[in-house]
Protein backbone atom coordinates (compact mmCIF):
# COMPACT_ATOMS: atom_id res chain seq x y z
CA MET A 1 81.77 65.11 -39.51
CA THR A 2 80.62 63.20 -36.37
CA ALA A 3 82.48 63.90 -33.35
CA ILE A 4 83.04 61.13 -30.96
CA LEU A 5 84.41 60.89 -27.51
CA LEU A 6 85.57 57.53 -26.27
CA VAL A 7 85.30 56.26 -22.84
CA ASP A 8 87.13 53.31 -21.79
CA ASP A 9 89.59 52.44 -18.85
CA HIS A 10 91.83 50.29 -20.98
CA PRO A 11 94.29 52.41 -23.48
CA ILE A 12 94.74 49.46 -25.83
CA VAL A 13 91.04 49.00 -25.96
CA ARG A 14 90.34 52.57 -27.03
CA GLU A 15 93.29 52.44 -29.72
CA GLY A 16 91.40 49.69 -31.25
CA TYR A 17 88.40 51.60 -31.38
CA ARG A 18 89.84 54.56 -32.64
CA ARG A 19 91.47 53.04 -35.63
CA LEU A 20 87.86 51.35 -36.40
CA LEU A 21 86.18 54.54 -36.33
CA GLU A 22 88.55 56.77 -37.82
CA ARG A 23 88.86 54.24 -40.87
CA GLN A 24 85.06 55.60 -41.66
CA PRO A 25 85.09 59.09 -43.62
CA ASP A 26 82.35 60.64 -41.39
CA TYR A 27 83.99 60.09 -37.90
CA ARG A 28 86.50 61.86 -35.99
CA ILE A 29 87.62 60.90 -32.38
CA VAL A 30 87.65 64.27 -30.64
CA ALA A 31 88.50 63.46 -27.03
CA GLU A 32 89.01 60.06 -24.79
CA ALA A 33 88.47 59.37 -21.24
CA ALA A 34 89.40 56.44 -18.88
CA ASN A 35 86.69 56.98 -16.04
CA ALA A 36 83.41 58.80 -15.45
CA ALA A 37 85.00 62.15 -14.17
CA GLU A 38 87.43 62.50 -17.10
CA ALA A 39 84.33 61.57 -19.34
CA TYR A 40 82.21 64.23 -17.82
CA GLN A 41 84.86 66.83 -17.90
CA ALA A 42 85.67 66.07 -21.58
CA TYR A 43 82.24 66.05 -22.52
CA ARG A 44 81.92 69.78 -21.23
CA LYS A 45 85.10 70.88 -23.08
CA VAL A 46 84.40 69.36 -26.74
CA SER A 47 80.52 69.01 -26.75
CA PRO A 48 80.66 65.70 -28.79
CA ASP A 49 77.87 64.68 -31.32
CA ILE A 50 78.12 61.26 -29.69
CA VAL A 51 79.68 59.35 -26.72
CA ILE A 52 80.78 55.83 -26.87
CA MET A 53 80.90 54.66 -23.34
CA ASP A 54 82.11 51.41 -21.53
CA LEU A 55 79.66 50.62 -18.35
CA SER A 56 82.66 49.02 -16.39
CA LEU A 57 84.86 52.03 -15.47
CA PRO A 58 86.93 52.79 -12.20
CA GLY A 59 85.11 54.81 -9.54
CA ALA A 60 81.76 55.82 -10.69
CA SER A 61 80.21 53.37 -13.04
CA GLY A 62 79.30 54.16 -16.67
CA VAL A 63 75.48 54.22 -15.63
CA GLU A 64 76.52 57.18 -13.31
CA ALA A 65 78.47 58.71 -15.88
CA VAL A 66 75.51 58.60 -18.55
CA ARG A 67 73.19 59.91 -15.81
CA HIS A 68 75.44 62.96 -15.23
CA ILE A 69 76.09 63.85 -18.42
CA ARG A 70 72.47 63.81 -19.44
CA GLN A 71 72.01 65.93 -16.56
CA TRP A 72 73.99 68.55 -17.91
CA ASP A 73 72.84 68.14 -21.60
CA LYS A 74 69.53 66.59 -22.13
CA GLY A 75 70.19 66.03 -25.83
CA ALA A 76 73.46 64.02 -25.18
CA ARG A 77 73.76 61.07 -27.36
CA ILE A 78 75.44 58.35 -25.59
CA LEU A 79 76.23 54.54 -27.10
CA ILE A 80 77.21 51.86 -24.24
CA PHE A 81 79.67 49.44 -25.57
CA THR A 82 80.22 46.92 -23.01
CA MET A 83 80.83 43.23 -22.60
CA HIS A 84 77.48 42.92 -20.43
CA SER A 85 75.11 41.25 -22.41
CA GLY A 86 72.38 40.66 -19.56
CA ALA A 87 69.11 42.55 -20.22
CA ALA A 88 68.95 44.06 -16.70
CA PHE A 89 72.27 46.05 -17.73
CA ALA A 90 70.70 47.38 -20.61
CA LEU A 91 67.45 48.63 -18.95
CA LYS A 92 69.68 50.37 -16.27
CA ALA A 93 71.65 52.35 -19.17
CA PHE A 94 68.48 53.13 -20.95
CA GLU A 95 66.78 54.36 -17.76
CA ALA A 96 69.86 56.46 -17.13
CA GLY A 97 69.62 58.26 -20.54
CA ALA A 98 71.86 56.13 -22.65
CA SER A 99 70.49 55.95 -26.70
CA GLY A 100 72.03 52.68 -27.37
CA TYR A 101 73.62 49.48 -26.23
CA VAL A 102 75.78 47.04 -28.15
CA THR A 103 78.04 44.35 -26.55
CA LYS A 104 81.95 44.04 -27.52
CA SER A 105 80.75 40.42 -28.88
CA SER A 106 79.15 42.22 -31.46
CA ASP A 107 81.14 42.26 -34.97
CA ALA A 108 82.35 45.98 -36.26
CA ALA A 109 79.64 46.63 -38.47
CA GLU A 110 77.11 46.15 -35.91
CA LEU A 111 79.02 48.65 -33.76
CA LEU A 112 79.34 51.14 -36.91
CA ARG A 113 75.33 50.79 -37.62
CA ALA A 114 74.94 51.76 -33.97
CA VAL A 115 77.05 54.70 -33.98
CA THR A 116 75.46 55.99 -37.21
CA ILE A 117 71.62 55.52 -35.58
CA VAL A 118 72.78 57.09 -32.34
CA ALA A 119 74.41 59.89 -33.80
CA LYS A 120 71.16 60.71 -35.81
CA GLY A 121 69.27 60.67 -32.86
CA GLY A 122 68.00 56.96 -32.82
CA ARG A 123 68.04 54.30 -30.34
CA ALA A 124 70.13 51.32 -31.03
CA LEU A 125 70.76 47.62 -29.77
CA SER A 126 72.77 44.96 -30.67
CA ASP A 127 71.02 41.74 -31.73
CA ASP A 128 72.03 39.69 -28.67
CA VAL A 129 70.81 42.16 -26.20
CA ALA A 130 67.61 42.76 -28.26
CA ARG A 131 66.70 38.89 -28.32
CA GLU A 132 67.33 38.62 -24.71
CA ILE A 133 65.13 41.36 -23.90
CA ALA A 134 62.41 40.07 -26.24
CA ALA A 135 62.96 36.48 -24.67
CA GLU A 136 62.36 38.03 -21.28
CA ARG A 137 59.42 40.57 -21.89
CA LEU A 138 57.68 39.22 -25.02
CA GLY A 139 54.66 37.98 -23.07
CA GLU A 140 54.53 40.96 -20.85
CA GLY A 141 55.09 43.42 -23.51
CA ARG A 142 52.90 41.71 -26.22
CA ALA A 143 50.04 41.34 -23.80
CA LEU A 144 50.13 45.02 -23.14
CA VAL A 145 50.53 46.38 -26.40
CA ASP A 146 47.63 44.27 -27.65
CA GLU A 147 45.49 46.77 -25.38
CA LEU A 148 46.26 49.57 -27.72
CA GLY A 149 44.49 50.69 -31.01
CA PRO A 150 46.32 50.75 -34.30
CA ARG A 151 47.15 54.75 -34.03
CA GLU A 152 48.51 54.17 -30.40
CA THR A 153 50.56 51.01 -31.43
CA GLU A 154 52.02 53.17 -34.43
CA ILE A 155 52.70 56.21 -32.21
CA LEU A 156 54.53 53.92 -29.37
CA ARG A 157 56.64 52.28 -32.08
CA LEU A 158 57.84 55.57 -33.18
CA VAL A 159 58.47 56.83 -29.80
CA ALA A 160 60.41 53.86 -29.21
CA SER A 161 62.46 54.12 -32.22
CA GLY A 162 63.88 57.73 -30.83
CA ARG A 163 61.31 59.79 -33.02
CA THR A 164 60.55 63.18 -31.44
CA THR A 165 57.08 64.57 -31.08
CA GLU A 166 57.51 66.78 -34.00
CA ASP A 167 58.70 64.01 -36.20
CA ILE A 168 55.55 61.90 -35.05
CA ALA A 169 53.17 64.92 -35.70
CA GLY A 170 54.64 65.42 -39.15
CA ILE A 171 54.73 61.55 -40.07
CA LEU A 172 51.09 61.02 -39.04
CA ASN A 173 49.78 64.38 -39.95
CA LEU A 174 48.66 65.14 -36.09
CA SER A 175 49.34 68.10 -34.15
CA PRO A 176 52.33 67.86 -31.49
CA LYS A 177 49.51 68.35 -28.85
CA THR A 178 47.86 65.34 -30.00
CA VAL A 179 50.98 63.41 -30.37
CA GLN A 180 51.78 64.13 -26.55
CA ASN A 181 48.14 63.31 -25.47
CA TYR A 182 48.45 59.86 -27.21
CA HIS A 183 51.77 59.69 -25.60
CA TYR A 184 50.55 60.07 -22.23
CA GLN A 185 47.60 57.70 -22.91
CA ILE A 186 49.72 55.20 -23.89
CA LYS A 187 51.95 55.30 -20.89
CA SER A 188 48.71 55.02 -18.60
CA LYS A 189 47.31 52.25 -20.42
CA ILE A 190 50.24 49.87 -20.15
CA GLY A 191 51.65 51.12 -16.84
CA ALA A 192 54.96 52.49 -18.30
CA ARG A 193 56.47 54.31 -15.42
CA THR A 194 59.10 56.38 -17.49
CA ASP A 195 59.90 56.69 -21.29
CA ALA A 196 62.65 54.10 -20.86
CA HIS A 197 60.12 51.69 -19.53
CA LEU A 198 58.02 52.34 -22.50
CA VAL A 199 60.58 51.71 -24.63
CA TRP A 200 61.49 48.34 -22.95
CA LEU A 201 58.01 47.12 -23.36
CA ALA A 202 58.00 48.02 -27.10
CA ILE A 203 61.03 46.29 -27.62
CA GLY A 204 59.54 43.25 -25.73
CA ALA A 205 56.59 43.59 -27.77
CA GLY A 206 58.61 43.32 -31.02
CA LEU A 207 57.77 46.82 -32.03
CA VAL A 208 61.54 47.67 -32.08
CA GLY A 209 63.97 45.28 -33.84
CA ASP A 210 67.56 45.41 -33.90
CA ALA A 211 70.11 48.37 -34.53
CA SER A 212 69.68 48.08 -38.19
CA ALA A 213 65.81 48.67 -37.91
CA THR A 214 66.11 51.95 -35.45
CA SER A 215 64.93 55.19 -37.02
CA SER A 216 66.59 58.48 -36.59
CA ALA A 217 65.80 61.70 -35.33
CA PRO A 218 66.86 65.49 -35.82
CA SER A 219 69.55 66.90 -33.75
CA ALA A 220 68.54 68.04 -30.37
CA SER A 221 69.88 71.37 -29.00
CA ARG A 222 72.61 71.38 -26.61
CA PRO A 223 73.56 73.60 -23.78
CA HIS A 224 76.39 75.90 -23.68
CA GLY A 225 78.84 77.21 -20.95
CA ILE A 226 79.88 75.51 -17.47
CA MET A 227 76.71 74.61 -15.45
């Protein structure tokens, strides 16, 4: 059973999400929050498997809430569900530590796919955002990725899809240390400042598709107690 924390400042909107999600046999809403502070407190209290969060919140923004939660729990899985379809909003969310980004113009099936992917440790994007990112970054990302060798390109694709170092090592029959070295070389070669930037460039190059094509990874460990 996947435990979900809903974060949106409109009660009627949260009720709609709750009804949709709880119609699925594997989802359970364990807490709700209307702002960033409530979201952080609820997360520490119930330790959900996934957070579904709006960007536009009263007080601190959703991006700040993502960053705060991720500072406490590096393994937190947070899916942004928002009306903002701009690529810049998605980039800020991913840089803060979000695992997925779906717009409220998406249909219910797309949201449910993204929830499943993020809950399993993968990364998810709604189709409209993926298209916008690709349109903005295709030239830059494709040119940079063309500088990579076949092995580097495959590792970049797996990293951008949410795979861990251990996953990639197993898939490609490499040692974790070798994968880490490739990861560093790839970032250096294409000028990626952070892993979020690396993912961004991979999406722009067409290596990562929509939410349904995003892969999953094993669960990360969670901290216990109060910081």
